[in-house]
Amino acid sequence: MAKKPLTIHLAAKNTGVGIETIRYYQRIGLIEKPEKPPSGHRVYSEDIMARLLFIRRAKELGFSLAEIAHLLALGDGCCVEAKELAIHKLEIIKNKLLDLQSIENTLEKLIQSCELDSTHRGCPIIAAIAKKMT
């Protein structure tokens, strides 16, 4: 049985990347746009499929499209620069985790103060948020 040609619909389905996202990646140059044959349906090569999977996985790791473009431009032979990008991304993620931990602690304290306030004269959560705004 012959293999079905990889149209944009199959490319999207097989890589978990949306059709409009694939078109966007083509517009910004992350992947090439296959030639449109007389049959009318572009066929996506295994190389393009691999690139789509690479992009999706890199996004899952938190890399921006600009960073992904840089990684793709590096190719397979420049581990030093790729490592530097990954170290930088890791630092950003660790800082975000610290920020999220701080937000978690603040919310826990606010919830606790609300539970401890037996007077119910106003909401300590709303008051605390309003204080930060002024």
C-alpha atoms as a PDB file:
ATOM      1  CA  MET A   1       0.000   0.000   0.000  1.00  0.00           C
ATOM      2  CA  ALA A   2       1.389   3.374  -1.011  1.00  0.00           C
ATOM      3  CA  LYS A   3       2.072   5.959   1.653  1.00  0.00           C
ATOM      4  CA  LYS A   4      -0.306   8.932   1.638  1.00  0.00           C
ATOM      5  CA  PRO A   5       1.367  12.186   0.597  1.00  0.00           C
ATOM      6  CA  LEU A   6       1.909  14.451   3.574  1.00  0.00           C
ATOM      7  CA  THR A   7      -0.447  17.358   2.940  1.00  0.00           C
ATOM      8  CA  ILE A   8      -0.669  20.221   5.412  1.00  0.00           C
ATOM      9  CA  HIS A   9      -3.560  18.436   7.138  1.00  0.00           C
ATOM     10  CA  LEU A  10      -1.528  15.267   7.657  1.00  0.00           C
ATOM     11  CA  ALA A  11       1.553  17.280   8.606  1.00  0.00           C
ATOM     12  CA  ALA A  12      -0.491  19.038  11.280  1.00  0.00           C
ATOM     13  CA  LYS A  13      -2.019  15.810  12.533  1.00  0.00           C
ATOM     14  CA  ASN A  14       1.290  13.905  12.610  1.00  0.00           C
ATOM     15  CA  THR A  15       3.247  16.652  14.384  1.00  0.00           C
ATOM     16  CA  GLY A  16       0.611  18.087  16.698  1.00  0.00           C
ATOM     17  CA  VAL A  17       1.114  21.524  15.166  1.00  0.00           C
ATOM     18  CA  GLY A  18      -1.924  23.437  13.938  1.00  0.00           C
ATOM     19  CA  ILE A  19      -2.444  24.154  10.250  1.00  0.00           C
ATOM     20  CA  GLU A  20      -2.449  27.922  10.773  1.00  0.00           C
ATOM     21  CA  THR A  21       0.695  27.567  12.879  1.00  0.00           C
ATOM     22  CA  ILE A  22       2.406  25.701  10.039  1.00  0.00           C
ATOM     23  CA  ARG A  23       1.413  28.491   7.653  1.00  0.00           C
ATOM     24  CA  TYR A  24       2.739  31.057  10.129  1.00  0.00           C
ATOM     25  CA  TYR A  25       6.046  29.201  10.403  1.00  0.00           C
ATOM     26  CA  GLN A  26       6.250  29.294   6.607  1.00  0.00           C
ATOM     27  CA  ARG A  27       5.587  33.051   6.528  1.00  0.00           C
ATOM     28  CA  ILE A  28       8.307  33.802   9.075  1.00  0.00           C
ATOM     29  CA  GLY A  29      10.791  31.414   7.479  1.00  0.00           C
ATOM     30  CA  LEU A  30      11.077  28.716  10.151  1.00  0.00           C
ATOM     31  CA  ILE A  31      10.071  26.072   7.615  1.00  0.00           C
ATOM     32  CA  GLU A  32      10.029  26.128   3.855  1.00  0.00           C
ATOM     33  CA  LYS A  33       6.838  26.215   1.882  1.00  0.00           C
ATOM     34  CA  PRO A  34       6.687  23.220  -0.443  1.00  0.00           C
ATOM     35  CA  GLU A  35       6.070  23.899  -4.116  1.00  0.00           C
ATOM     36  CA  LYS A  36       2.450  23.617  -5.147  1.00  0.00           C
ATOM     37  CA  PRO A  37       2.181  20.832  -7.718  1.00  0.00           C
ATOM     38  CA  PRO A  38      -0.443  20.793 -10.476  1.00  0.00           C
ATOM     39  CA  SER A  39      -2.588  18.517  -8.282  1.00  0.00           C
ATOM     40  CA  GLY A  40      -3.037  21.502  -5.975  1.00  0.00           C
ATOM     41  CA  HIS A  41      -1.875  20.022  -2.659  1.00  0.00           C
ATOM     42  CA  ARG A  42       1.538  20.822  -1.267  1.00  0.00           C
ATOM     43  CA  VAL A  43       3.432  17.789  -0.031  1.00  0.00           C
ATOM     44  CA  TYR A  44       5.511  18.100   3.118  1.00  0.00           C
ATOM     45  CA  SER A  45       8.822  16.251   3.182  1.00  0.00           C
ATOM     46  CA  GLU A  46      10.178  14.229   6.080  1.00  0.00           C
ATOM     47  CA  ASP A  47      12.721  17.031   6.632  1.00  0.00           C
ATOM     48  CA  ILE A  48       9.939  19.565   7.097  1.00  0.00           C
ATOM     49  CA  MET A  49       8.130  17.152   9.406  1.00  0.00           C
ATOM     50  CA  ALA A  50      11.289  16.742  11.497  1.00  0.00           C
ATOM     51  CA  ARG A  51      11.680  20.514  11.637  1.00  0.00           C
ATOM     52  CA  LEU A  52       8.066  20.944  12.783  1.00  0.00           C
ATOM     53  CA  LEU A  53       8.627  18.405  15.543  1.00  0.00           C
ATOM     54  CA  PHE A  54      11.855  20.179  16.540  1.00  0.00           C
ATOM     55  CA  ILE A  55      10.017  23.511  16.755  1.00  0.00           C
ATOM     56  CA  ARG A  56       7.183  22.015  18.803  1.00  0.00           C
ATOM     57  CA  ARG A  57       9.575  20.325  21.237  1.00  0.00           C
ATOM     58  CA  ALA A  58      11.706  23.465  21.597  1.00  0.00           C
ATOM     59  CA  LYS A  59       8.559  25.494  22.343  1.00  0.00           C
ATOM     60  CA  GLU A  60       7.616  22.931  25.002  1.00  0.00           C
ATOM     61  CA  LEU A  61      11.006  23.610  26.599  1.00  0.00           C
ATOM     62  CA  GLY A  62      10.182  27.314  26.710  1.00  0.00           C
ATOM     63  CA  PHE A  63      12.222  28.583  23.777  1.00  0.00           C
ATOM     64  CA  SER A  64      10.799  31.532  21.859  1.00  0.00           C
ATOM     65  CA  LEU A  65      10.439  31.397  18.091  1.00  0.00           C
ATOM     66  CA  ALA A  66      13.442  33.723  17.751  1.00  0.00           C
ATOM     67  CA  GLU A  67      15.515  31.384  19.923  1.00  0.00           C
ATOM     68  CA  ILE A  68      14.271  28.399  17.946  1.00  0.00           C
ATOM     69  CA  ALA A  69      15.285  30.105  14.708  1.00  0.00           C
ATOM     70  CA  HIS A  70      18.740  30.612  16.222  1.00  0.00           C
ATOM     71  CA  LEU A  71      18.948  26.946  17.266  1.00  0.00           C
ATOM     72  CA  LEU A  72      17.878  25.840  13.791  1.00  0.00           C
ATOM     73  CA  ALA A  73      20.498  28.111  12.231  1.00  0.00           C
ATOM     74  CA  LEU A  74      23.165  26.555  14.453  1.00  0.00           C
ATOM     75  CA  GLY A  75      22.417  23.125  13.090  1.00  0.00           C
ATOM     76  CA  ASP A  76      23.796  20.020  14.683  1.00  0.00           C
ATOM     77  CA  GLY A  77      27.417  21.050  15.014  1.00  0.00           C
ATOM     78  CA  CYS A  78      27.463  23.989  17.420  1.00  0.00           C
ATOM     79  CA  CYS A  79      26.850  22.587  20.858  1.00  0.00           C
ATOM     80  CA  VAL A  80      28.594  25.464  22.666  1.00  0.00           C
ATOM     81  CA  GLU A  81      26.121  28.106  21.459  1.00  0.00           C
ATOM     82  CA  ALA A  82      23.159  25.790  21.928  1.00  0.00           C
ATOM     83  CA  LYS A  83      24.335  25.125  25.472  1.00  0.00           C
ATOM     84  CA  GLU A  84      24.636  28.867  26.154  1.00  0.00           C
ATOM     85  CA  LEU A  85      21.071  29.396  24.922  1.00  0.00           C
ATOM     86  CA  ALA A  86      19.844  26.531  27.108  1.00  0.00           C
ATOM     87  CA  ILE A  87      21.693  27.886  30.170  1.00  0.00           C
ATOM     88  CA  HIS A  88      20.150  31.313  29.604  1.00  0.00           C
ATOM     89  CA  LYS A  89      16.682  29.768  29.200  1.00  0.00           C
ATOM     90  CA  LEU A  90      17.169  27.747  32.383  1.00  0.00           C
ATOM     91  CA  GLU A  91      18.082  30.905  34.337  1.00  0.00           C
ATOM     92  CA  ILE A  92      14.911  32.601  33.094  1.00  0.00           C
ATOM     93  CA  ILE A  93      12.803  29.590  34.074  1.00  0.00           C
ATOM     94  CA  LYS A  94      14.385  29.411  37.546  1.00  0.00           C
ATOM     95  CA  ASN A  95      13.625  33.111  38.070  1.00  0.00           C
ATOM     96  CA  LYS A  96      10.032  32.573  36.949  1.00  0.00           C
ATOM     97  CA  LEU A  97       9.735  29.681  39.393  1.00  0.00           C
ATOM     98  CA  LEU A  98      10.966  31.924  42.214  1.00  0.00           C
ATOM     99  CA  ASP A  99       8.429  34.574  41.191  1.00  0.00           C
ATOM    100  CA  LEU A 100       5.661  31.984  41.120  1.00  0.00           C
ATOM    101  CA  GLN A 101       6.717  30.704  44.557  1.00  0.00           C
ATOM    102  CA  SER A 102       6.505  34.254  45.885  1.00  0.00           C
ATOM    103  CA  ILE A 103       3.040  34.686  44.355  1.00  0.00           C
ATOM    104  CA  GLU A 104       1.965  31.368  45.871  1.00  0.00           C
ATOM    105  CA  ASN A 105       3.182  32.433  49.327  1.00  0.00           C
ATOM    106  CA  THR A 106       1.424  35.786  49.068  1.00  0.00           C
ATOM    107  CA  LEU A 107      -1.856  34.200  47.975  1.00  0.00           C
ATOM    108  CA  GLU A 108      -1.661  31.631  50.777  1.00  0.00           C
ATOM    109  CA  LYS A 109      -1.172  34.437  53.337  1.00  0.00           C
ATOM    110  CA  LEU A 110      -4.054  36.423  51.877  1.00  0.00           C
ATOM    111  CA  ILE A 111      -6.357  33.407  51.952  1.00  0.00           C
ATOM    112  CA  GLN A 112      -5.302  32.672  55.514  1.00  0.00           C
ATOM    113  CA  SER A 113      -5.921  36.286  56.584  1.00  0.00           C
ATOM    114  CA  CYS A 114      -9.381  36.091  55.032  1.00  0.00           C
ATOM    115  CA  GLU A 115     -10.135  32.887  56.936  1.00  0.00           C
ATOM    116  CA  LEU A 116      -8.881  34.373  60.216  1.00  0.00           C
ATOM    117  CA  ASP A 117     -10.899  37.598  59.877  1.00  0.00           C
ATOM    118  CA  SER A 118     -14.010  36.889  61.906  1.00  0.00           C
ATOM    119  CA  THR A 119     -15.309  40.453  61.631  1.00  0.00           C
ATOM    120  CA  HIS A 120     -16.036  40.149  57.909  1.00  0.00           C
ATOM    121  CA  ARG A 121     -15.693  43.926  57.545  1.00  0.00           C
ATOM    122  CA  GLY A 122     -14.335  44.003  54.077  1.00  0.00           C
ATOM    123  CA  CYS A 123     -12.223  41.464  52.354  1.00  0.00           C
ATOM    124  CA  PRO A 124      -8.518  41.337  53.263  1.00  0.00           C
ATOM    125  CA  ILE A 125      -7.738  39.933  49.808  1.00  0.00           C
ATOM    126  CA  ILE A 126      -9.430  42.816  47.987  1.00  0.00           C
ATOM    127  CA  ALA A 127      -7.891  45.316  50.426  1.00  0.00           C
ATOM    128  CA  ALA A 128      -4.386  43.914  49.900  1.00  0.00           C
ATOM    129  CA  ILE A 129      -4.733  43.990  46.112  1.00  0.00           C
ATOM    130  CA  ALA A 130      -6.138  47.544  46.213  1.00  0.00           C
ATOM    131  CA  LYS A 131      -3.221  48.639  48.405  1.00  0.00           C
ATOM    132  CA  LYS A 132      -0.707  47.498  45.812  1.00  0.00           C
ATOM    133  CA  MET A 133      -2.529  49.422  43.107  1.00  0.00           C
ATOM    134  CA  THR A 134      -2.325  52.799  44.878  1.00  0.00           C
END
